[in-house]
Every structure is written in C-alpha cells, then in structure tokens.
Amino acid sequence: MSVDSVLKAAPANPRLTGIVITVISAFFMSLDSIFIRLSGVGGFDTSFLFGLFTAISMLTLTQVLDKRGVIGTLKAGGWPVIVSGLLMLGSALSMVMSVKHTSVANVAVIMSVTPALAALFGRLFLGEVTRKATWIAIGSVMVGIAIVVSGSVGSIHIYGDGLALIAANFVALNQTLTRKYKQMSRTVIVGMGGLFLALATVSFVSPGTYTVQTWVVMGAMGLLTGPAGRVLGFVATRYISAPEVGVVGMLKTVFAPALAFVIFAEIAPVNSFVGGAVILTAVLAYMLTSLSKAKHGA
C-alpha cells in the first residue's frame, strides 16, 4: 500500500489526522538513538549504514509503488527534493554524532527546540501565523530545554548537546520546506537523504570490519523504523503546520529515555528528567487542546 493510498483513507479532519501520524512518527524516531547505541561502531560508520539502507529501502519503494518511478518523482519534485535530501543529510549526521557524545535523554530533549525553530522559519519563509496555543507549548518546551542543557554546561556532554541543536535546525528547515511543497514525494525525499548521507561518509568507513550485529541492527533502523518515522513526519506537514508537527513529535523525548532505561539501564540525569517532565506536560496539554478542537471541527 502506497503512502498516497493511506492518506486517501485518513479521517476527514486534517488536524486529528496530522496528530495521529505525528505520534506514530515520534515513536519510530525515538528508536534511532537506541539502534545507534546497539550498532557498536563509530559515528561515521553508523551514518553510512543508516544512509545506505535508507536509500535502498525508500528508493526501491518509490520505484515499485509510484508509477512515475524514481526519476519521474525527482523531475516532478524539482530542486526542493534535492534541498530536502541535503537537509536530511545534515540532520541525520548531526544527530548520529550527538548520540555518540551525550546521553540519549539529552539528545531527545534538546531536539525539542525543533517546533520553535519551525515556527520561526514558517513565519520567515511561508508567512504562517502560529496559533497562540502552539506558542505557549513552544515556550514551555524551551524552558524544559534550558533545564536539560544547564546540566551539561562545562561538561563533556556540551559537544554532543551542540550537535543535537544543529540537527534540530536542519529538521525544522526541512519541515518548513515540505510544508511549502506539499506534493513532493516523501519517500523519494527520504531516499535521497539516505543516498547523500551514504556518499558523504563512505570515504571514512571500513564496511569489511562490521560484525553481523552491526549489519542487522543498522539494517533494522535503515530499512524500517528510520525511514518510516521520517516519511510519516513529512506526511504530517500536509495536515498540520510544521510547528504543530514539532510540538507533538516531542513525545519522542519521553519514548527515547524510557527505551534507553529498559535496554541499557541508562538513567537520565536529574536535569534531563525535570526538563523532560516539563516538556511532556506541555506536549500532552497541547495535544488535548488540539484534539478537542479537532473533535468539534475547529
């Protein structure tokens, strides 16, 4: 079943549809940091394998399910597809490297700055006016981020935290771009991003040294959860604004540390725990408000 056929079967209310899609996307995205830790290889190696498998899965899917094929979708999308793929390259590489230099909790929570950046970029480039409720949620999220980052200032985690912030900028720009060009093929965007990532890192890696576990773990991430999370995140921008996608998508700040605790027994620092609680409260309140509006057709 293609992405377009799923969209045709979606509920009539766009806000509700966008929120549901984004929640699913957030769960898949939260698995990224877990697979990166389980890969057992360095940042460039992880990036290469993620890009390689993502390119294989998404470009093959595009070729099989889209009657235009890969070349046709690239021509139809034009330059925005290439730019979107390059932005994904930047976000994926920064995120992978950040996980190698700071805690999973910190990466997840710092990425919460995405909705604020998306709102800013949406205003600058699209002229979108962000709803008051969204700004309140964004402000609360920023408070949570400040609490988390305060625990890393002067520590070895500050480098990883900085990379996570860079990744958030790339994600926000990409959400804004796909919001503007809604008809671009989301699968080919993610596929091109994976291809660019593999090409950018191939000269820094040695695939012959990888263990079976590395290939299996990164295959699961690159072929399944990683692309699915990103495609769904881009699809959601067809229904709700980029800042709204960013706010609801912050549920991954809850999913990721919980998974890290279960799998690695990694206990988040107190600052990350408190900041994450602030963010979770803001996101849940925002979701309840938005779902109430959706229910009444607002």
C-alpha atoms as a PDB file:
ATOM      1  CA  MET A   1       0.000   0.000   0.000  1.00  0.00           C
ATOM      2  CA  SER A   2       1.438   3.380  -1.005  1.00  0.00           C
ATOM      3  CA  VAL A   3       1.604   6.493   1.181  1.00  0.00           C
ATOM      4  CA  ASP A   4      -0.966   8.212  -1.043  1.00  0.00           C
ATOM      5  CA  SER A   5      -3.477   5.362  -0.626  1.00  0.00           C
ATOM      6  CA  VAL A   6      -3.089   5.601   3.150  1.00  0.00           C
ATOM      7  CA  LEU A   7      -3.722   9.329   3.007  1.00  0.00           C
ATOM      8  CA  LYS A   8      -6.931   8.847   0.999  1.00  0.00           C
ATOM      9  CA  ALA A   9      -8.223   6.571   3.743  1.00  0.00           C
ATOM     10  CA  ALA A  10      -7.370   9.056   6.505  1.00  0.00           C
ATOM     11  CA  PRO A  11     -10.071  10.730   8.614  1.00  0.00           C
ATOM     12  CA  ALA A  12     -11.700  13.855   7.212  1.00  0.00           C
ATOM     13  CA  ASN A  13     -10.430  16.152   9.988  1.00  0.00           C
ATOM     14  CA  PRO A  14      -6.904  17.205   8.992  1.00  0.00           C
ATOM     15  CA  ARG A  15      -5.726  18.233  12.470  1.00  0.00           C
ATOM     16  CA  LEU A  16      -6.643  14.895  14.022  1.00  0.00           C
ATOM     17  CA  THR A  17      -5.039  13.067  11.111  1.00  0.00           C
ATOM     18  CA  GLY A  18      -1.834  15.082  11.442  1.00  0.00           C
ATOM     19  CA  ILE A  19      -1.602  14.499  15.198  1.00  0.00           C
ATOM     20  CA  VAL A  20      -2.089  10.729  14.905  1.00  0.00           C
ATOM     21  CA  ILE A  21       0.507  10.465  12.137  1.00  0.00           C
ATOM     22  CA  THR A  22       2.983  12.542  14.152  1.00  0.00           C
ATOM     23  CA  VAL A  23       2.607  10.397  17.294  1.00  0.00           C
ATOM     24  CA  ILE A  24       3.431   7.279  15.283  1.00  0.00           C
ATOM     25  CA  SER A  25       6.355   9.098  13.676  1.00  0.00           C
ATOM     26  CA  ALA A  26       7.655  10.144  17.108  1.00  0.00           C
ATOM     27  CA  PHE A  27       7.748   6.549  18.321  1.00  0.00           C
ATOM     28  CA  PHE A  28       9.683   5.344  15.291  1.00  0.00           C
ATOM     29  CA  MET A  29      12.093   8.289  15.547  1.00  0.00           C
ATOM     30  CA  SER A  30      12.737   7.558  19.224  1.00  0.00           C
ATOM     31  CA  LEU A  31      14.226   4.216  18.201  1.00  0.00           C
ATOM     32  CA  ASP A  32      17.074   5.940  16.302  1.00  0.00           C
ATOM     33  CA  SER A  33      19.245   6.558  19.349  1.00  0.00           C
ATOM     34  CA  ILE A  34      18.690   3.001  20.568  1.00  0.00           C
ATOM     35  CA  PHE A  35      19.840   1.443  17.297  1.00  0.00           C
ATOM     36  CA  ILE A  36      22.807   3.829  17.142  1.00  0.00           C
ATOM     37  CA  ARG A  37      23.975   2.660  20.564  1.00  0.00           C
ATOM     38  CA  LEU A  38      23.419  -1.006  19.666  1.00  0.00           C
ATOM     39  CA  SER A  39      25.368  -0.709  16.395  1.00  0.00           C
ATOM     40  CA  GLY A  40      28.702  -0.929  18.194  1.00  0.00           C
ATOM     41  CA  VAL A  41      30.524   1.258  15.638  1.00  0.00           C
ATOM     42  CA  GLY A  42      31.554   4.903  15.357  1.00  0.00           C
ATOM     43  CA  GLY A  43      29.505   7.862  14.206  1.00  0.00           C
ATOM     44  CA  PHE A  44      30.598   7.862  10.558  1.00  0.00           C
ATOM     45  CA  ASP A  45      30.064   4.106  10.267  1.00  0.00           C
ATOM     46  CA  THR A  46      26.596   4.397  11.761  1.00  0.00           C
ATOM     47  CA  SER A  47      25.741   7.283   9.447  1.00  0.00           C
ATOM     48  CA  PHE A  48      26.973   5.387   6.397  1.00  0.00           C
ATOM     49  CA  LEU A  49      24.941   2.271   7.163  1.00  0.00           C
ATOM     50  CA  PHE A  50      21.823   4.254   8.022  1.00  0.00           C
ATOM     51  CA  GLY A  51      22.120   6.216   4.789  1.00  0.00           C
ATOM     52  CA  LEU A  52      22.814   3.127   2.698  1.00  0.00           C
ATOM     53  CA  PHE A  53      19.865   1.109   3.986  1.00  0.00           C
ATOM     54  CA  THR A  54      17.543   4.105   3.892  1.00  0.00           C
ATOM     55  CA  ALA A  55      18.438   4.821   0.274  1.00  0.00           C
ATOM     56  CA  ILE A  56      17.878   1.177  -0.686  1.00  0.00           C
ATOM     57  CA  SER A  57      14.511   0.893   1.060  1.00  0.00           C
ATOM     58  CA  MET A  58      12.988   4.245   0.136  1.00  0.00           C
ATOM     59  CA  LEU A  59      14.174   4.471  -3.467  1.00  0.00           C
ATOM     60  CA  THR A  60      13.082   0.884  -4.100  1.00  0.00           C
ATOM     61  CA  LEU A  61       9.703   1.642  -2.540  1.00  0.00           C
ATOM     62  CA  THR A  62       9.342   4.713  -4.738  1.00  0.00           C
ATOM     63  CA  GLN A  63      10.250   2.770  -7.867  1.00  0.00           C
ATOM     64  CA  VAL A  64       7.749  -0.009  -7.100  1.00  0.00           C
ATOM     65  CA  LEU A  65       4.775   1.947  -5.737  1.00  0.00           C
ATOM     66  CA  ASP A  66       4.945   5.252  -7.616  1.00  0.00           C
ATOM     67  CA  LYS A  67       4.026   4.898 -11.285  1.00  0.00           C
ATOM     68  CA  ARG A  68       6.425   7.737 -12.135  1.00  0.00           C
ATOM     69  CA  GLY A  69       9.405   5.814 -10.757  1.00  0.00           C
ATOM     70  CA  VAL A  70      12.389   7.398  -9.005  1.00  0.00           C
ATOM     71  CA  ILE A  71      13.468   9.519 -11.980  1.00  0.00           C
ATOM     72  CA  GLY A  72       9.929  10.709 -12.590  1.00  0.00           C
ATOM     73  CA  THR A  73       9.378  11.747  -8.972  1.00  0.00           C
ATOM     74  CA  LEU A  74      12.700  13.577  -8.926  1.00  0.00           C
ATOM     75  CA  LYS A  75      11.770  15.512 -12.066  1.00  0.00           C
ATOM     76  CA  ALA A  76       8.299  16.277 -10.712  1.00  0.00           C
ATOM     77  CA  GLY A  77       9.683  17.467  -7.368  1.00  0.00           C
ATOM     78  CA  GLY A  78      12.472  19.546  -8.855  1.00  0.00           C
ATOM     79  CA  TRP A  79      15.087  21.327  -6.777  1.00  0.00           C
ATOM     80  CA  PRO A  80      13.105  21.201  -3.476  1.00  0.00           C
ATOM     81  CA  VAL A  81      13.565  17.412  -3.395  1.00  0.00           C
ATOM     82  CA  ILE A  82      17.339  17.772  -3.626  1.00  0.00           C
ATOM     83  CA  VAL A  83      17.432  20.528  -0.989  1.00  0.00           C
ATOM     84  CA  SER A  84      15.229  18.459   1.320  1.00  0.00           C
ATOM     85  CA  GLY A  85      17.535  15.478   0.881  1.00  0.00           C
ATOM     86  CA  LEU A  86      20.565  17.619   1.746  1.00  0.00           C
ATOM     87  CA  LEU A  87      18.808  18.944   4.857  1.00  0.00           C
ATOM     88  CA  MET A  88      18.127  15.358   5.895  1.00  0.00           C
ATOM     89  CA  LEU A  89      21.820  14.618   5.378  1.00  0.00           C
ATOM     90  CA  GLY A  90      22.694  17.415   7.803  1.00  0.00           C
ATOM     91  CA  SER A  91      20.128  16.429  10.419  1.00  0.00           C
ATOM     92  CA  ALA A  92      20.924  12.708  10.329  1.00  0.00           C
ATOM     93  CA  LEU A  93      24.705  13.162  10.520  1.00  0.00           C
ATOM     94  CA  SER A  94      24.452  15.694  13.357  1.00  0.00           C
ATOM     95  CA  MET A  95      22.018  13.536  15.301  1.00  0.00           C
ATOM     96  CA  VAL A  96      24.088  10.364  14.955  1.00  0.00           C
ATOM     97  CA  MET A  97      27.253  12.143  16.085  1.00  0.00           C
ATOM     98  CA  SER A  98      25.441  13.781  19.005  1.00  0.00           C
ATOM     99  CA  VAL A  99      24.302  10.403  20.364  1.00  0.00           C
ATOM    100  CA  LYS A 100      27.961   9.361  20.440  1.00  0.00           C
ATOM    101  CA  HIS A 101      28.887  12.339  22.651  1.00  0.00           C
ATOM    102  CA  THR A 102      25.988  12.835  25.046  1.00  0.00           C
ATOM    103  CA  SER A 103      23.140  10.902  26.671  1.00  0.00           C
ATOM    104  CA  VAL A 104      20.101   9.629  24.778  1.00  0.00           C
ATOM    105  CA  ALA A 105      17.914  11.719  27.074  1.00  0.00           C
ATOM    106  CA  ASN A 106      19.811  14.916  26.294  1.00  0.00           C
ATOM    107  CA  VAL A 107      19.624  14.364  22.542  1.00  0.00           C
ATOM    108  CA  ALA A 108      15.902  13.680  22.704  1.00  0.00           C
ATOM    109  CA  VAL A 109      15.120  16.678  24.857  1.00  0.00           C
ATOM    110  CA  ILE A 110      17.366  19.179  23.065  1.00  0.00           C
ATOM    111  CA  MET A 111      15.717  18.217  19.780  1.00  0.00           C
ATOM    112  CA  SER A 112      12.598  19.680  21.396  1.00  0.00           C
ATOM    113  CA  VAL A 113      13.734  23.080  20.137  1.00  0.00           C
ATOM    114  CA  THR A 114      12.528  21.972  16.691  1.00  0.00           C
ATOM    115  CA  PRO A 115       8.966  23.360  16.954  1.00  0.00           C
ATOM    116  CA  ALA A 116      10.213  26.805  18.000  1.00  0.00           C
ATOM    117  CA  LEU A 117      12.608  26.861  15.071  1.00  0.00           C
ATOM    118  CA  ALA A 118       9.902  25.570  12.724  1.00  0.00           C
ATOM    119  CA  ALA A 119       7.577  28.358  13.858  1.00  0.00           C
ATOM    120  CA  LEU A 120      10.296  30.926  13.217  1.00  0.00           C
ATOM    121  CA  PHE A 121      11.165  29.530   9.789  1.00  0.00           C
ATOM    122  CA  GLY A 122       7.487  29.185   8.899  1.00  0.00           C
ATOM    123  CA  ARG A 123       6.954  32.841   9.719  1.00  0.00           C
ATOM    124  CA  LEU A 124      10.034  33.969   7.798  1.00  0.00           C
ATOM    125  CA  PHE A 125       9.660  31.824   4.683  1.00  0.00           C
ATOM    126  CA  LEU A 126       5.950  30.943   4.488  1.00  0.00           C
ATOM    127  CA  GLY A 127       4.289  33.833   6.286  1.00  0.00           C
ATOM    128  CA  GLU A 128       2.484  31.355   8.546  1.00  0.00           C
ATOM    129  CA  VAL A 129       0.954  32.689  11.737  1.00  0.00           C
ATOM    130  CA  THR A 130       1.417  30.208  14.570  1.00  0.00           C
ATOM    131  CA  ARG A 131      -1.553  29.662  16.902  1.00  0.00           C
ATOM    132  CA  LYS A 132      -1.362  31.057  20.437  1.00  0.00           C
ATOM    133  CA  ALA A 133      -1.654  27.570  21.947  1.00  0.00           C
ATOM    134  CA  THR A 134       1.312  26.429  19.872  1.00  0.00           C
ATOM    135  CA  TRP A 135       3.454  29.331  21.086  1.00  0.00           C
ATOM    136  CA  ILE A 136       2.565  28.565  24.700  1.00  0.00           C
ATOM    137  CA  ALA A 137       3.603  24.943  24.167  1.00  0.00           C
ATOM    138  CA  ILE A 138       6.805  26.061  22.432  1.00  0.00           C
ATOM    139  CA  GLY A 139       7.649  28.392  25.318  1.00  0.00           C
ATOM    140  CA  SER A 140       7.155  25.590  27.824  1.00  0.00           C
ATOM    141  CA  VAL A 141       9.330  23.286  25.723  1.00  0.00           C
ATOM    142  CA  MET A 142      12.089  25.903  25.649  1.00  0.00           C
ATOM    143  CA  VAL A 143      12.022  26.072  29.452  1.00  0.00           C
ATOM    144  CA  GLY A 144      12.463  22.299  29.545  1.00  0.00           C
ATOM    145  CA  ILE A 145      15.401  22.504  27.148  1.00  0.00           C
ATOM    146  CA  ALA A 146      17.087  25.176  29.248  1.00  0.00           C
ATOM    147  CA  ILE A 147      16.839  22.904  32.299  1.00  0.00           C
ATOM    148  CA  VAL A 148      18.375  19.983  30.412  1.00  0.00           C
ATOM    149  CA  VAL A 149      21.239  21.942  28.864  1.00  0.00           C
ATOM    150  CA  SER A 150      22.086  23.576  32.206  1.00  0.00           C
ATOM    151  CA  GLY A 151      23.295  20.203  33.407  1.00  0.00           C
ATOM    152  CA  SER A 152      25.802  19.888  30.549  1.00  0.00           C
ATOM    153  CA  VAL A 153      27.479  23.303  30.578  1.00  0.00           C
ATOM    154  CA  GLY A 154      31.186  22.798  31.227  1.00  0.00           C
ATOM    155  CA  SER A 155      30.946  19.009  30.846  1.00  0.00           C
ATOM    156  CA  ILE A 156      31.961  16.602  28.098  1.00  0.00           C
ATOM    157  CA  HIS A 157      28.321  16.452  27.038  1.00  0.00           C
ATOM    158  CA  ILE A 158      28.285  20.033  25.750  1.00  0.00           C
ATOM    159  CA  TYR A 159      29.738  18.981  22.355  1.00  0.00           C
ATOM    160  CA  GLY A 160      27.040  16.367  21.838  1.00  0.00           C
ATOM    161  CA  ASP A 161      24.361  18.787  23.016  1.00  0.00           C
ATOM    162  CA  GLY A 162      25.562  21.336  20.452  1.00  0.00           C
ATOM    163  CA  LEU A 163      25.339  18.773  17.654  1.00  0.00           C
ATOM    164  CA  ALA A 164      21.790  17.916  18.712  1.00  0.00           C
ATOM    165  CA  LEU A 165      20.873  21.600  18.455  1.00  0.00           C
ATOM    166  CA  ILE A 166      22.346  21.756  14.943  1.00  0.00           C
ATOM    167  CA  ALA A 167      20.297  18.697  13.992  1.00  0.00           C
ATOM    168  CA  ALA A 168      17.153  20.418  15.257  1.00  0.00           C
ATOM    169  CA  ASN A 169      17.789  23.379  12.935  1.00  0.00           C
ATOM    170  CA  PHE A 170      18.051  21.086   9.913  1.00  0.00           C
ATOM    171  CA  VAL A 171      14.878  19.212  10.881  1.00  0.00           C
ATOM    172  CA  ALA A 172      12.918  22.453  11.322  1.00  0.00           C
ATOM    173  CA  LEU A 173      14.068  23.788   7.961  1.00  0.00           C
ATOM    174  CA  ASN A 174      13.088  20.522   6.292  1.00  0.00           C
ATOM    175  CA  GLN A 175       9.643  20.533   7.886  1.00  0.00           C
ATOM    176  CA  THR A 176       9.125  24.072   6.630  1.00  0.00           C
ATOM    177  CA  LEU A 177      10.252  23.155   3.119  1.00  0.00           C
ATOM    178  CA  THR A 178       7.980  20.121   2.903  1.00  0.00           C
ATOM    179  CA  ARG A 179       5.119  22.186   4.295  1.00  0.00           C
ATOM    180  CA  LYS A 180       5.527  24.611   1.386  1.00  0.00           C
ATOM    181  CA  TYR A 181       5.915  21.930  -1.297  1.00  0.00           C
ATOM    182  CA  LYS A 182       3.231  19.513  -0.098  1.00  0.00           C
ATOM    183  CA  GLN A 183       3.066  17.401  -3.235  1.00  0.00           C
ATOM    184  CA  MET A 184       6.687  16.265  -3.181  1.00  0.00           C
ATOM    185  CA  SER A 185       7.114  12.506  -2.828  1.00  0.00           C
ATOM    186  CA  ARG A 186       8.005  11.931   0.828  1.00  0.00           C
ATOM    187  CA  THR A 187       9.565   8.550   0.116  1.00  0.00           C
ATOM    188  CA  VAL A 188      11.925   9.893  -2.540  1.00  0.00           C
ATOM    189  CA  ILE A 189      12.939  12.761  -0.221  1.00  0.00           C
ATOM    190  CA  VAL A 190      13.987  10.330   2.499  1.00  0.00           C
ATOM    191  CA  GLY A 191      15.628   8.065  -0.077  1.00  0.00           C
ATOM    192  CA  MET A 192      17.716  10.917  -1.470  1.00  0.00           C
ATOM    193  CA  GLY A 193      18.649  11.986   2.046  1.00  0.00           C
ATOM    194  CA  GLY A 194      19.899   8.472   2.731  1.00  0.00           C
ATOM    195  CA  LEU A 195      21.853   8.410  -0.525  1.00  0.00           C
ATOM    196  CA  PHE A 196      23.529  11.741   0.245  1.00  0.00           C
ATOM    197  CA  LEU A 197      24.383  10.532   3.751  1.00  0.00           C
ATOM    198  CA  ALA A 198      25.981   7.323   2.457  1.00  0.00           C
ATOM    199  CA  LEU A 199      28.003   9.192  -0.178  1.00  0.00           C
ATOM    200  CA  ALA A 200      29.175  11.827   2.329  1.00  0.00           C
ATOM    201  CA  THR A 201      30.532   9.246   4.772  1.00  0.00           C
ATOM    202  CA  VAL A 202      31.695   6.340   2.571  1.00  0.00           C
ATOM    203  CA  SER A 203      35.328   7.503   2.470  1.00  0.00           C
ATOM    204  CA  PHE A 204      35.536   7.439   6.284  1.00  0.00           C
ATOM    205  CA  VAL A 205      34.360   3.866   6.864  1.00  0.00           C
ATOM    206  CA  SER A 206      35.511   0.247   6.545  1.00  0.00           C
ATOM    207  CA  PRO A 207      32.450  -1.975   5.944  1.00  0.00           C
ATOM    208  CA  GLY A 208      34.581  -5.128   5.933  1.00  0.00           C
ATOM    209  CA  THR A 209      35.175  -4.777   9.675  1.00  0.00           C
ATOM    210  CA  TYR A 210      31.499  -4.691  10.691  1.00  0.00           C
ATOM    211  CA  THR A 211      30.056  -7.520  12.759  1.00  0.00           C
ATOM    212  CA  VAL A 212      26.823  -9.339  11.962  1.00  0.00           C
ATOM    213  CA  GLN A 213      25.154  -7.467  14.824  1.00  0.00           C
ATOM    214  CA  THR A 214      26.110  -4.133  13.276  1.00  0.00           C
ATOM    215  CA  TRP A 215      24.623  -5.071   9.908  1.00  0.00           C
ATOM    216  CA  VAL A 216      21.425  -6.443  11.471  1.00  0.00           C
ATOM    217  CA  VAL A 217      20.874  -3.517  13.855  1.00  0.00           C
ATOM    218  CA  MET A 218      21.532  -0.846  11.237  1.00  0.00           C
ATOM    219  CA  GLY A 219      19.505  -2.787   8.690  1.00  0.00           C
ATOM    220  CA  ALA A 220      16.510  -2.644  11.025  1.00  0.00           C
ATOM    221  CA  MET A 221      16.983   1.084  11.502  1.00  0.00           C
ATOM    222  CA  GLY A 222      17.762   1.953   7.882  1.00  0.00           C
ATOM    223  CA  LEU A 223      15.233  -0.311   6.196  1.00  0.00           C
ATOM    224  CA  LEU A 224      12.327   0.000   8.618  1.00  0.00           C
ATOM    225  CA  THR A 225      11.971   2.349  11.586  1.00  0.00           C
ATOM    226  CA  GLY A 226      14.193   5.240  10.499  1.00  0.00           C
ATOM    227  CA  PRO A 227      12.643   5.821   7.064  1.00  0.00           C
ATOM    228  CA  ALA A 228       9.115   5.170   8.365  1.00  0.00           C
ATOM    229  CA  GLY A 229       9.484   7.797  11.092  1.00  0.00           C
ATOM    230  CA  ARG A 230      10.843  10.408   8.701  1.00  0.00           C
ATOM    231  CA  VAL A 231       8.309   9.772   5.943  1.00  0.00           C
ATOM    232  CA  LEU A 232       5.422   9.995   8.412  1.00  0.00           C
ATOM    233  CA  GLY A 233       6.881  13.180   9.865  1.00  0.00           C
ATOM    234  CA  PHE A 234       6.948  14.769   6.417  1.00  0.00           C
ATOM    235  CA  VAL A 235       3.466  13.456   5.585  1.00  0.00           C
ATOM    236  CA  ALA A 236       2.074  15.074   8.738  1.00  0.00           C
ATOM    237  CA  THR A 237       3.045  18.520   7.402  1.00  0.00           C
ATOM    238  CA  ARG A 238       0.325  18.094   4.777  1.00  0.00           C
ATOM    239  CA  TYR A 239      -2.275  18.249   7.559  1.00  0.00           C
ATOM    240  CA  ILE A 240      -0.871  20.473  10.302  1.00  0.00           C
ATOM    241  CA  SER A 241       1.795  23.182  10.395  1.00  0.00           C
ATOM    242  CA  ALA A 242       5.483  22.445  10.921  1.00  0.00           C
ATOM    243  CA  PRO A 243       5.436  23.902  14.486  1.00  0.00           C
ATOM    244  CA  GLU A 244       2.486  21.641  15.372  1.00  0.00           C
ATOM    245  CA  VAL A 245       4.314  18.606  13.989  1.00  0.00           C
ATOM    246  CA  GLY A 246       7.325  19.636  16.048  1.00  0.00           C
ATOM    247  CA  VAL A 247       5.358  20.025  19.285  1.00  0.00           C
ATOM    248  CA  VAL A 248       3.538  16.680  19.061  1.00  0.00           C
ATOM    249  CA  GLY A 249       6.699  14.997  17.803  1.00  0.00           C
ATOM    250  CA  MET A 250       8.380  15.864  21.087  1.00  0.00           C
ATOM    251  CA  LEU A 251       6.769  12.761  22.551  1.00  0.00           C
ATOM    252  CA  LYS A 252       9.951  11.053  21.443  1.00  0.00           C
ATOM    253  CA  THR A 253      11.641  12.831  24.350  1.00  0.00           C
ATOM    254  CA  VAL A 254       9.622  10.507  26.552  1.00  0.00           C
ATOM    255  CA  PHE A 255       9.875   7.381  24.402  1.00  0.00           C
ATOM    256  CA  ALA A 256      13.673   7.520  23.895  1.00  0.00           C
ATOM    257  CA  PRO A 257      14.833   7.826  27.539  1.00  0.00           C
ATOM    258  CA  ALA A 258      12.299   5.172  28.590  1.00  0.00           C
ATOM    259  CA  LEU A 259      13.660   2.772  25.987  1.00  0.00           C
ATOM    260  CA  ALA A 260      17.248   3.643  26.977  1.00  0.00           C
ATOM    261  CA  PHE A 261      16.445   2.784  30.602  1.00  0.00           C
ATOM    262  CA  VAL A 262      14.860  -0.550  29.677  1.00  0.00           C
ATOM    263  CA  ILE A 263      17.583  -1.626  27.227  1.00  0.00           C
ATOM    264  CA  PHE A 264      20.760  -0.020  28.594  1.00  0.00           C
ATOM    265  CA  ALA A 265      19.738   0.740  32.206  1.00  0.00           C
ATOM    266  CA  GLU A 266      20.721   4.320  31.352  1.00  0.00           C
ATOM    267  CA  ILE A 267      19.308   6.634  33.984  1.00  0.00           C
ATOM    268  CA  ALA A 268      18.752  10.186  32.788  1.00  0.00           C
ATOM    269  CA  PRO A 269      20.452  12.993  34.765  1.00  0.00           C
ATOM    270  CA  VAL A 270      18.199  14.887  37.159  1.00  0.00           C
ATOM    271  CA  ASN A 271      18.219  17.927  34.864  1.00  0.00           C
ATOM    272  CA  SER A 272      17.097  15.801  31.908  1.00  0.00           C
ATOM    273  CA  PHE A 273      14.374  14.189  33.986  1.00  0.00           C
ATOM    274  CA  VAL A 274      12.982  17.518  35.218  1.00  0.00           C
ATOM    275  CA  GLY A 275      13.253  19.153  31.802  1.00  0.00           C
ATOM    276  CA  GLY A 276      11.636  16.158  30.153  1.00  0.00           C
ATOM    277  CA  ALA A 277       8.744  16.308  32.621  1.00  0.00           C
ATOM    278  CA  VAL A 278       8.146  19.959  31.725  1.00  0.00           C
ATOM    279  CA  ILE A 279       8.162  19.109  28.022  1.00  0.00           C
ATOM    280  CA  LEU A 280       5.865  16.103  28.430  1.00  0.00           C
ATOM    281  CA  THR A 281       3.333  18.190  30.341  1.00  0.00           C
ATOM    282  CA  ALA A 282       3.394  20.893  27.662  1.00  0.00           C
ATOM    283  CA  VAL A 283       3.002  18.426  24.791  1.00  0.00           C
ATOM    284  CA  LEU A 284       0.167  16.487  26.420  1.00  0.00           C
ATOM    285  CA  ALA A 285      -1.705  19.692  27.240  1.00  0.00           C
ATOM    286  CA  TYR A 286      -1.247  20.865  23.669  1.00  0.00           C
ATOM    287  CA  MET A 287      -2.442  17.540  22.247  1.00  0.00           C
ATOM    288  CA  LEU A 288      -5.558  17.545  24.421  1.00  0.00           C
ATOM    289  CA  THR A 289      -6.388  21.082  23.315  1.00  0.00           C
ATOM    290  CA  SER A 290      -5.805  20.276  19.643  1.00  0.00           C
ATOM    291  CA  LEU A 291      -7.794  17.042  19.778  1.00  0.00           C
ATOM    292  CA  SER A 292     -10.670  18.916  21.420  1.00  0.00           C
ATOM    293  CA  LYS A 293     -10.619  21.444  18.575  1.00  0.00           C
ATOM    294  CA  ALA A 294     -10.432  18.609  16.049  1.00  0.00           C
ATOM    295  CA  LYS A 295     -13.406  16.875  17.608  1.00  0.00           C
ATOM    296  CA  HIS A 296     -15.501  19.997  17.206  1.00  0.00           C
ATOM    297  CA  GLY A 297     -14.150  20.619  13.718  1.00  0.00           C
ATOM    298  CA  ALA A 298     -12.177  23.699  14.766  1.00  0.00           C
END
